[in-house]
Amino acid sequence: MRKTLTTIKNSILDILFPKFCLNCNREGQWLCQDCFSLIDIFEKQYSPSTTKLAGLYCATSYDNFIVKKLINQFKYKPYIKELSKPLTLLVITSLNKLENPPDFNEFILIPVPLRRKKLKQRGFNQAYEIGQQLSKSLKIPIDDNLLSKIKETPAQMELDKEQRIKNLNGAFKCEQPELVKNKKILLVDDIFTTGSTMRECAITLRNAGAQEIRGIAIARA
């Protein structure tokens, strides 16, 4: 019954507020199939050497103009929260294209946390929204209460690589180390640039006793 009501509600919303592809303006979806096909999907796992991660999975390049438009509309005003679905589909498509698709059965999804000010401003954490979609698809749990950002820092995009690393020193805290100890963690974020954010999150989780930490992101800049 609840599913039926949700379907009806979504149908009404689609009539009142129809979706249009953000690239070609075709009605029906935020990203139509034709425009989806214009995005190059990565088919190899990325292995960064300085992030403290056991592995990193990125779906595509942030240089793609469609990807950049989708992510910017997801993160900046006017925010379109529903873009988490087509963006996550890029990740799932990439994972399925890998020669040896990873097995995440024993992993816990942890979204990279936002600054309180940014969370209040946007109303949602984009990494958590992506994580929720991944949780459903990969059938693994997500917990956004295990990692928090305890230090307000300037936006990473305004800094160079060295400044990014210093900017995030001590910025994160593991709230419940007992739930992280000996666990396998899949860190979720939207964009991977220098790796500074995931690196600092991984260090925090390692210090809390995490067994293995991998990263996953929509795009690599």
C-alpha atoms as a PDB file:
ATOM      1  CA  MET A   1       0.000   0.000   0.000  1.00  0.00           C
ATOM      2  CA  ARG A   2       2.794   2.410   0.964  1.00  0.00           C
ATOM      3  CA  LYS A   3       4.608   1.656  -2.312  1.00  0.00           C
ATOM      4  CA  THR A   4       1.431   2.353  -4.283  1.00  0.00           C
ATOM      5  CA  LEU A   5       0.941   5.705  -2.544  1.00  0.00           C
ATOM      6  CA  THR A   6       4.558   6.633  -3.242  1.00  0.00           C
ATOM      7  CA  THR A   7       4.102   5.746  -6.925  1.00  0.00           C
ATOM      8  CA  ILE A   8       0.962   7.876  -7.134  1.00  0.00           C
ATOM      9  CA  LYS A   9       2.686  10.772  -5.385  1.00  0.00           C
ATOM     10  CA  ASN A  10       5.655  10.589  -7.778  1.00  0.00           C
ATOM     11  CA  SER A  11       3.330  10.472 -10.785  1.00  0.00           C
ATOM     12  CA  ILE A  12       1.540  13.616  -9.612  1.00  0.00           C
ATOM     13  CA  LEU A  13       4.846  15.397  -9.026  1.00  0.00           C
ATOM     14  CA  ASP A  14       6.036  14.419 -12.507  1.00  0.00           C
ATOM     15  CA  ILE A  15       2.890  15.981 -13.980  1.00  0.00           C
ATOM     16  CA  LEU A  16       3.128  19.180 -11.928  1.00  0.00           C
ATOM     17  CA  PHE A  17       6.922  19.469 -12.110  1.00  0.00           C
ATOM     18  CA  PRO A  18       8.130  17.557 -15.190  1.00  0.00           C
ATOM     19  CA  LYS A  19      11.800  16.607 -15.459  1.00  0.00           C
ATOM     20  CA  PHE A  20      13.919  17.758 -18.383  1.00  0.00           C
ATOM     21  CA  CYS A  21      17.338  16.426 -19.337  1.00  0.00           C
ATOM     22  CA  LEU A  22      19.856  18.959 -18.087  1.00  0.00           C
ATOM     23  CA  ASN A  23      21.884  18.564 -21.258  1.00  0.00           C
ATOM     24  CA  CYS A  24      19.436  18.394 -24.176  1.00  0.00           C
ATOM     25  CA  ASN A  25      16.224  19.557 -22.430  1.00  0.00           C
ATOM     26  CA  ARG A  26      14.261  16.456 -23.489  1.00  0.00           C
ATOM     27  CA  GLU A  27      11.312  15.851 -21.168  1.00  0.00           C
ATOM     28  CA  GLY A  28      11.168  12.779 -18.943  1.00  0.00           C
ATOM     29  CA  GLN A  29      14.463  12.439 -17.044  1.00  0.00           C
ATOM     30  CA  TRP A  30      17.219  14.585 -15.590  1.00  0.00           C
ATOM     31  CA  LEU A  31      19.649  12.662 -17.796  1.00  0.00           C
ATOM     32  CA  CYS A  32      18.226  10.997 -20.900  1.00  0.00           C
ATOM     33  CA  GLN A  33      19.687   7.804 -22.368  1.00  0.00           C
ATOM     34  CA  ASP A  34      21.158   9.595 -25.388  1.00  0.00           C
ATOM     35  CA  CYS A  35      23.069  12.035 -23.195  1.00  0.00           C
ATOM     36  CA  PHE A  36      24.074   9.250 -20.814  1.00  0.00           C
ATOM     37  CA  SER A  37      25.760   7.569 -23.783  1.00  0.00           C
ATOM     38  CA  LEU A  38      27.893  10.698 -24.317  1.00  0.00           C
ATOM     39  CA  ILE A  39      29.634  10.127 -20.970  1.00  0.00           C
ATOM     40  CA  ASP A  40      32.799   8.005 -21.005  1.00  0.00           C
ATOM     41  CA  ILE A  41      32.538   5.486 -18.174  1.00  0.00           C
ATOM     42  CA  PHE A  42      35.772   4.296 -16.549  1.00  0.00           C
ATOM     43  CA  GLU A  43      36.362   0.564 -16.764  1.00  0.00           C
ATOM     44  CA  LYS A  44      39.408   0.365 -14.504  1.00  0.00           C
ATOM     45  CA  GLN A  45      39.927   0.808 -10.772  1.00  0.00           C
ATOM     46  CA  TYR A  46      42.030   3.849  -9.897  1.00  0.00           C
ATOM     47  CA  SER A  47      44.958   3.256  -7.537  1.00  0.00           C
ATOM     48  CA  PRO A  48      46.031   6.520  -5.870  1.00  0.00           C
ATOM     49  CA  SER A  49      49.267   6.325  -3.906  1.00  0.00           C
ATOM     50  CA  THR A  50      48.713   9.063  -1.331  1.00  0.00           C
ATOM     51  CA  THR A  51      45.166   8.674  -0.033  1.00  0.00           C
ATOM     52  CA  LYS A  52      45.544   5.883   2.555  1.00  0.00           C
ATOM     53  CA  LEU A  53      42.906   3.952   0.588  1.00  0.00           C
ATOM     54  CA  ALA A  54      43.114   0.284  -0.381  1.00  0.00           C
ATOM     55  CA  GLY A  55      41.371   1.176  -3.634  1.00  0.00           C
ATOM     56  CA  LEU A  56      39.357   3.877  -5.353  1.00  0.00           C
ATOM     57  CA  TYR A  57      36.448   3.602  -7.767  1.00  0.00           C
ATOM     58  CA  CYS A  58      35.500   6.627  -9.888  1.00  0.00           C
ATOM     59  CA  ALA A  59      32.795   6.393 -12.522  1.00  0.00           C
ATOM     60  CA  THR A  60      33.928   9.057 -14.957  1.00  0.00           C
ATOM     61  CA  SER A  61      35.832  12.299 -15.490  1.00  0.00           C
ATOM     62  CA  TYR A  62      34.717  15.633 -14.094  1.00  0.00           C
ATOM     63  CA  ASP A  63      36.035  17.166 -17.330  1.00  0.00           C
ATOM     64  CA  ASN A  64      32.990  15.814 -19.173  1.00  0.00           C
ATOM     65  CA  PHE A  65      30.696  18.824 -19.625  1.00  0.00           C
ATOM     66  CA  ILE A  66      27.526  16.807 -18.926  1.00  0.00           C
ATOM     67  CA  VAL A  67      28.951  15.333 -15.708  1.00  0.00           C
ATOM     68  CA  LYS A  68      30.121  18.754 -14.577  1.00  0.00           C
ATOM     69  CA  LYS A  69      26.671  20.242 -15.245  1.00  0.00           C
ATOM     70  CA  LEU A  70      24.906  17.448 -13.321  1.00  0.00           C
ATOM     71  CA  ILE A  71      27.202  17.647 -10.297  1.00  0.00           C
ATOM     72  CA  ASN A  72      27.096  21.442 -10.176  1.00  0.00           C
ATOM     73  CA  GLN A  73      23.291  21.407 -10.288  1.00  0.00           C
ATOM     74  CA  PHE A  74      23.333  18.769  -7.540  1.00  0.00           C
ATOM     75  CA  LYS A  75      25.661  20.784  -5.257  1.00  0.00           C
ATOM     76  CA  TYR A  76      24.810  24.392  -6.003  1.00  0.00           C
ATOM     77  CA  LYS A  77      21.643  26.488  -6.209  1.00  0.00           C
ATOM     78  CA  PRO A  78      19.050  25.724  -7.311  1.00  0.00           C
ATOM     79  CA  TYR A  79      19.775  22.303  -5.763  1.00  0.00           C
ATOM     80  CA  ILE A  80      18.258  19.260  -7.480  1.00  0.00           C
ATOM     81  CA  LYS A  81      18.454  16.519  -4.864  1.00  0.00           C
ATOM     82  CA  GLU A  82      17.011  13.904  -7.239  1.00  0.00           C
ATOM     83  CA  LEU A  83      20.185  14.018  -9.314  1.00  0.00           C
ATOM     84  CA  SER A  84      21.639  11.514  -6.850  1.00  0.00           C
ATOM     85  CA  LYS A  85      19.879   8.778  -8.878  1.00  0.00           C
ATOM     86  CA  PRO A  86      21.381   9.359 -12.360  1.00  0.00           C
ATOM     87  CA  LEU A  87      24.752  10.220 -10.812  1.00  0.00           C
ATOM     88  CA  THR A  88      24.780   6.985  -8.822  1.00  0.00           C
ATOM     89  CA  LEU A  89      23.806   5.092 -11.975  1.00  0.00           C
ATOM     90  CA  LEU A  90      27.105   6.242 -13.469  1.00  0.00           C
ATOM     91  CA  VAL A  91      28.928   4.624 -10.528  1.00  0.00           C
ATOM     92  CA  ILE A  92      26.996   1.360 -10.768  1.00  0.00           C
ATOM     93  CA  THR A  93      27.577   1.218 -14.532  1.00  0.00           C
ATOM     94  CA  SER A  94      31.306   1.692 -13.994  1.00  0.00           C
ATOM     95  CA  LEU A  95      31.475  -1.012 -11.310  1.00  0.00           C
ATOM     96  CA  ASN A  96      29.675  -3.450 -13.617  1.00  0.00           C
ATOM     97  CA  LYS A  97      32.161  -2.720 -16.414  1.00  0.00           C
ATOM     98  CA  LEU A  98      35.222  -3.587 -14.323  1.00  0.00           C
ATOM     99  CA  GLU A  99      37.061  -6.743 -15.347  1.00  0.00           C
ATOM    100  CA  ASN A 100      36.849  -7.935 -11.738  1.00  0.00           C
ATOM    101  CA  PRO A 101      33.825  -6.223 -10.117  1.00  0.00           C
ATOM    102  CA  PRO A 102      34.460  -5.695  -6.387  1.00  0.00           C
ATOM    103  CA  ASP A 103      32.579  -7.588  -3.702  1.00  0.00           C
ATOM    104  CA  PHE A 104      31.380  -5.111  -1.082  1.00  0.00           C
ATOM    105  CA  ASN A 105      29.269  -7.566   0.943  1.00  0.00           C
ATOM    106  CA  GLU A 106      31.213  -7.023   4.175  1.00  0.00           C
ATOM    107  CA  PHE A 107      31.533  -3.247   3.799  1.00  0.00           C
ATOM    108  CA  ILE A 108      29.793  -0.328   5.499  1.00  0.00           C
ATOM    109  CA  LEU A 109      29.119   2.796   3.456  1.00  0.00           C
ATOM    110  CA  ILE A 110      30.221   6.008   5.166  1.00  0.00           C
ATOM    111  CA  PRO A 111      29.575   9.320   3.379  1.00  0.00           C
ATOM    112  CA  VAL A 112      32.194  12.056   3.655  1.00  0.00           C
ATOM    113  CA  PRO A 113      30.588  14.497   6.130  1.00  0.00           C
ATOM    114  CA  LEU A 114      29.855  18.153   5.404  1.00  0.00           C
ATOM    115  CA  ARG A 115      30.609  21.257   7.394  1.00  0.00           C
ATOM    116  CA  ARG A 116      27.616  22.185   9.573  1.00  0.00           C
ATOM    117  CA  LYS A 117      27.267  25.522   7.821  1.00  0.00           C
ATOM    118  CA  LYS A 118      27.239  23.916   4.375  1.00  0.00           C
ATOM    119  CA  LEU A 119      24.796  21.205   5.469  1.00  0.00           C
ATOM    120  CA  LYS A 120      22.413  23.821   6.838  1.00  0.00           C
ATOM    121  CA  GLN A 121      22.736  25.903   3.692  1.00  0.00           C
ATOM    122  CA  ARG A 122      22.122  23.062   1.241  1.00  0.00           C
ATOM    123  CA  GLY A 123      19.745  21.037   3.386  1.00  0.00           C
ATOM    124  CA  PHE A 124      21.365  17.704   2.512  1.00  0.00           C
ATOM    125  CA  ASN A 125      24.762  16.044   2.228  1.00  0.00           C
ATOM    126  CA  GLN A 126      25.339  15.105  -1.408  1.00  0.00           C
ATOM    127  CA  ALA A 127      27.682  12.250  -0.393  1.00  0.00           C
ATOM    128  CA  TYR A 128      24.955  10.793   1.831  1.00  0.00           C
ATOM    129  CA  GLU A 129      22.367  11.003  -0.974  1.00  0.00           C
ATOM    130  CA  ILE A 130      24.707   9.125  -3.301  1.00  0.00           C
ATOM    131  CA  GLY A 131      25.481   6.668  -0.510  1.00  0.00           C
ATOM    132  CA  GLN A 132      21.794   5.934   0.000  1.00  0.00           C
ATOM    133  CA  GLN A 133      21.388   5.023  -3.650  1.00  0.00           C
ATOM    134  CA  LEU A 134      24.535   2.880  -3.551  1.00  0.00           C
ATOM    135  CA  SER A 135      23.298   1.183  -0.393  1.00  0.00           C
ATOM    136  CA  LYS A 136      20.135   0.070  -2.190  1.00  0.00           C
ATOM    137  CA  SER A 137      21.983  -1.103  -5.286  1.00  0.00           C
ATOM    138  CA  LEU A 138      24.913  -2.834  -3.562  1.00  0.00           C
ATOM    139  CA  LYS A 139      22.708  -4.107  -0.721  1.00  0.00           C
ATOM    140  CA  ILE A 140      25.102  -2.989   2.006  1.00  0.00           C
ATOM    141  CA  PRO A 141      24.407  -0.749   5.035  1.00  0.00           C
ATOM    142  CA  ILE A 142      25.091   2.967   5.216  1.00  0.00           C
ATOM    143  CA  ASP A 143      25.814   4.888   8.418  1.00  0.00           C
ATOM    144  CA  ASP A 144      26.297   8.656   8.436  1.00  0.00           C
ATOM    145  CA  ASN A 145      26.725   8.836  12.218  1.00  0.00           C
ATOM    146  CA  LEU A 146      30.172   7.261  12.370  1.00  0.00           C
ATOM    147  CA  LEU A 147      32.165  10.133  10.912  1.00  0.00           C
ATOM    148  CA  SER A 148      31.707  13.853  11.518  1.00  0.00           C
ATOM    149  CA  LYS A 149      33.460  17.038  10.526  1.00  0.00           C
ATOM    150  CA  ILE A 150      34.461  18.879  13.678  1.00  0.00           C
ATOM    151  CA  LYS A 151      36.417  21.758  12.163  1.00  0.00           C
ATOM    152  CA  GLU A 152      35.066  24.477   9.908  1.00  0.00           C
ATOM    153  CA  THR A 153      37.457  24.853   6.972  1.00  0.00           C
ATOM    154  CA  PRO A 154      37.623  26.948   3.799  1.00  0.00           C
ATOM    155  CA  ALA A 155      36.238  25.265   0.676  1.00  0.00           C
ATOM    156  CA  GLN A 156      38.774  22.866  -0.826  1.00  0.00           C
ATOM    157  CA  MET A 157      38.192  24.144  -4.359  1.00  0.00           C
ATOM    158  CA  GLU A 158      39.750  27.476  -3.356  1.00  0.00           C
ATOM    159  CA  LEU A 159      43.077  25.884  -2.354  1.00  0.00           C
ATOM    160  CA  ASP A 160      46.059  24.226  -4.035  1.00  0.00           C
ATOM    161  CA  LYS A 161      47.105  20.640  -3.283  1.00  0.00           C
ATOM    162  CA  GLU A 162      49.438  21.430  -0.378  1.00  0.00           C
ATOM    163  CA  GLN A 163      46.935  23.821   1.182  1.00  0.00           C
ATOM    164  CA  ARG A 164      44.167  21.227   0.850  1.00  0.00           C
ATOM    165  CA  ILE A 165      46.101  18.711   2.932  1.00  0.00           C
ATOM    166  CA  LYS A 166      46.907  21.233   5.690  1.00  0.00           C
ATOM    167  CA  ASN A 167      43.364  22.595   5.578  1.00  0.00           C
ATOM    168  CA  LEU A 168      41.856  19.268   6.636  1.00  0.00           C
ATOM    169  CA  ASN A 169      44.309  18.222   9.353  1.00  0.00           C
ATOM    170  CA  GLY A 170      42.240  17.114  12.335  1.00  0.00           C
ATOM    171  CA  ALA A 171      39.004  18.096  10.606  1.00  0.00           C
ATOM    172  CA  PHE A 172      37.215  14.756  11.097  1.00  0.00           C
ATOM    173  CA  LYS A 173      36.274  12.627  14.073  1.00  0.00           C
ATOM    174  CA  CYS A 174      35.104   9.023  14.369  1.00  0.00           C
ATOM    175  CA  GLU A 175      32.089   9.252  16.678  1.00  0.00           C
ATOM    176  CA  GLN A 176      31.765   5.545  17.500  1.00  0.00           C
ATOM    177  CA  PRO A 177      35.127   3.769  17.198  1.00  0.00           C
ATOM    178  CA  GLU A 178      33.659   0.543  18.561  1.00  0.00           C
ATOM    179  CA  LEU A 179      31.422   0.294  15.467  1.00  0.00           C
ATOM    180  CA  VAL A 180      34.337   0.909  13.108  1.00  0.00           C
ATOM    181  CA  LYS A 181      36.958  -1.361  14.669  1.00  0.00           C
ATOM    182  CA  ASN A 182      37.903  -4.289  12.368  1.00  0.00           C
ATOM    183  CA  LYS A 183      35.298  -3.175   9.818  1.00  0.00           C
ATOM    184  CA  LYS A 184      35.636  -2.709   6.068  1.00  0.00           C
ATOM    185  CA  ILE A 185      34.653   0.797   5.044  1.00  0.00           C
ATOM    186  CA  LEU A 186      33.566   2.235   1.691  1.00  0.00           C
ATOM    187  CA  LEU A 187      33.995   6.019   1.809  1.00  0.00           C
ATOM    188  CA  VAL A 188      31.591   7.894  -0.468  1.00  0.00           C
ATOM    189  CA  ASP A 189      32.082  11.337  -2.012  1.00  0.00           C
ATOM    190  CA  ASP A 190      30.974  13.145  -5.158  1.00  0.00           C
ATOM    191  CA  ILE A 191      34.288  14.306  -6.666  1.00  0.00           C
ATOM    192  CA  PHE A 192      37.849  13.039  -6.190  1.00  0.00           C
ATOM    193  CA  THR A 193      40.413  15.773  -6.904  1.00  0.00           C
ATOM    194  CA  THR A 194      43.689  15.599  -4.959  1.00  0.00           C
ATOM    195  CA  GLY A 195      42.406  12.980  -2.535  1.00  0.00           C
ATOM    196  CA  SER A 196      42.972  15.212   0.504  1.00  0.00           C
ATOM    197  CA  THR A 197      39.453  14.807   1.874  1.00  0.00           C
ATOM    198  CA  MET A 198      39.316  11.037   1.542  1.00  0.00           C
ATOM    199  CA  ARG A 199      42.880  10.793   2.839  1.00  0.00           C
ATOM    200  CA  GLU A 200      42.023  12.618   6.051  1.00  0.00           C
ATOM    201  CA  CYS A 201      38.804  10.620   6.501  1.00  0.00           C
ATOM    202  CA  ALA A 202      40.732   7.386   5.951  1.00  0.00           C
ATOM    203  CA  ILE A 203      43.381   8.366   8.518  1.00  0.00           C
ATOM    204  CA  THR A 204      40.646   9.096  11.067  1.00  0.00           C
ATOM    205  CA  LEU A 205      38.953   5.751  10.435  1.00  0.00           C
ATOM    206  CA  ARG A 206      42.274   3.879  10.484  1.00  0.00           C
ATOM    207  CA  ASN A 207      43.086   5.402  13.845  1.00  0.00           C
ATOM    208  CA  ALA A 208      39.696   4.173  15.054  1.00  0.00           C
ATOM    209  CA  GLY A 209      40.645   0.616  14.087  1.00  0.00           C
ATOM    210  CA  ALA A 210      39.055   0.143  10.652  1.00  0.00           C
ATOM    211  CA  GLN A 211      40.397  -2.959   8.897  1.00  0.00           C
ATOM    212  CA  GLU A 212      40.192  -1.764   5.293  1.00  0.00           C
ATOM    213  CA  ILE A 213      39.089   1.457   3.624  1.00  0.00           C
ATOM    214  CA  ARG A 214      38.207   2.004  -0.014  1.00  0.00           C
ATOM    215  CA  GLY A 215      36.822   5.074  -1.726  1.00  0.00           C
ATOM    216  CA  ILE A 216      34.097   5.567  -4.277  1.00  0.00           C
ATOM    217  CA  ALA A 217      33.154   8.747  -6.167  1.00  0.00           C
ATOM    218  CA  ILE A 218      31.142   9.864  -9.149  1.00  0.00           C
ATOM    219  CA  ALA A 219      33.933  11.719 -10.908  1.00  0.00           C
ATOM    220  CA  ARG A 220      37.679  12.212 -10.869  1.00  0.00           C
ATOM    221  CA  ALA A 221      38.956  15.726 -11.502  1.00  0.00           C
END
